Protein backbone atom coordinates (compact mmCIF):
# COMPACT_ATOMS: atom_id res chain seq x y z
CA MET A 1 -21.99 -20.70 16.26
CA THR A 2 -21.06 -17.07 16.88
CA THR A 3 -17.54 -16.10 17.97
CA ILE A 4 -16.59 -12.91 19.78
CA ALA A 5 -13.02 -11.65 19.42
CA GLN A 6 -11.55 -8.55 20.99
CA LEU A 7 -8.72 -7.18 18.86
CA THR A 8 -6.09 -4.71 19.97
CA PHE A 9 -3.66 -3.47 17.32
CA ILE A 10 -0.67 -1.40 18.43
CA PRO A 11 1.61 -0.05 15.68
CA LEU A 12 5.07 0.41 17.18
CA ALA A 13 7.07 2.05 14.40
CA THR A 14 4.94 5.03 13.40
CA HIS A 15 4.49 8.65 14.35
CA ASN A 16 0.77 8.46 13.61
CA PRO A 17 -0.65 5.31 15.25
CA THR A 18 -4.23 6.61 15.06
CA GLU A 19 -4.08 6.57 11.26
CA LYS A 20 -2.84 2.97 11.23
CA VAL A 21 -5.57 1.85 13.63
CA GLN A 22 -8.20 3.59 11.48
CA GLU A 23 -6.89 1.71 8.44
CA LEU A 24 -7.34 -1.55 10.35
CA ILE A 25 -10.91 -0.65 11.31
CA GLU A 26 -11.70 0.11 7.66
CA HIS A 27 -10.25 -3.28 6.73
CA LEU A 28 -12.46 -5.01 9.32
CA ALA A 29 -15.53 -3.41 7.75
CA GLN A 30 -15.02 -5.57 4.65
CA TYR A 31 -16.08 -8.70 6.55
CA ASP A 32 -19.58 -9.91 7.37
CA VAL A 33 -19.22 -9.32 11.12
CA LYS A 34 -20.58 -6.91 13.69
CA ILE A 35 -17.90 -4.46 14.84
CA GLU A 36 -17.90 -2.59 18.14
CA ILE A 37 -15.23 0.11 18.33
CA GLY A 38 -13.82 0.75 21.79
CA TYR A 39 -11.28 3.19 23.14
CA LEU A 40 -8.40 0.71 23.18
CA SER A 41 -9.71 -2.22 21.16
CA SER A 42 -12.36 -3.37 18.73
CA THR A 43 -14.68 -6.32 19.12
CA VAL A 44 -15.82 -8.41 16.17
CA ILE A 45 -18.80 -10.71 16.43
CA GLY A 46 -19.69 -13.19 13.74
CA ASP A 47 -19.59 -16.68 12.37
CA THR A 48 -16.63 -18.59 13.79
CA ALA A 49 -15.05 -19.34 10.40
CA THR A 50 -15.39 -15.69 9.34
CA VAL A 51 -13.83 -14.37 12.56
CA PHE A 52 -10.83 -16.71 12.29
CA THR A 53 -10.40 -15.88 8.61
CA LEU A 54 -10.52 -12.17 9.51
CA ILE A 55 -7.86 -12.62 12.21
CA ARG A 56 -5.51 -14.50 9.87
CA GLU A 57 -5.96 -12.06 6.98
CA VAL A 58 -5.55 -8.99 9.21
CA TYR A 59 -2.36 -10.45 10.67
CA GLU A 60 -0.97 -11.26 7.23
CA THR A 61 -1.87 -7.79 5.90
CA MET A 62 -0.33 -6.02 8.88
CA SER A 63 2.80 -8.19 8.58
CA LEU A 64 3.28 -6.92 5.03
CA GLU A 65 2.37 -3.27 5.67
CA GLN A 66 3.75 -2.52 9.14
CA GLU A 67 7.34 -2.49 10.27
CA ARG A 68 6.60 -3.47 13.89
CA PHE A 69 3.36 -4.00 15.75
CA ARG A 70 1.59 -5.86 18.53
CA PHE A 71 -1.70 -7.63 17.80
CA HIS A 72 -3.56 -8.87 20.86
CA ILE A 73 -6.49 -11.22 20.34
CA GLU A 74 -8.88 -12.23 23.09
CA LEU A 75 -11.51 -14.82 22.29
CA LEU A 76 -14.66 -15.15 24.35
CA SER A 77 -16.53 -18.43 24.57
CA PRO A 78 -18.75 -18.96 21.53
CA GLU A 79 -22.46 -18.28 21.60
CA LYS A 80 -24.64 -21.09 20.27
């Protein structure tokens, strides 16, 4: 099964949010998923287990590295 997740990361306590978003995109590239970069969000497409692992690990990493942030996740129905 393939899962599609749209991720929107908004760093709240920084003067350079673009840099923080770029760091997140570079982190996403470490996973075996297809990544589509949009203007306000990024979409990851891949195996369901991989996508959920990615979401958890990104959240945990950002929780350690960022002072304050918003992380919106939108899941589309899986493709079989």
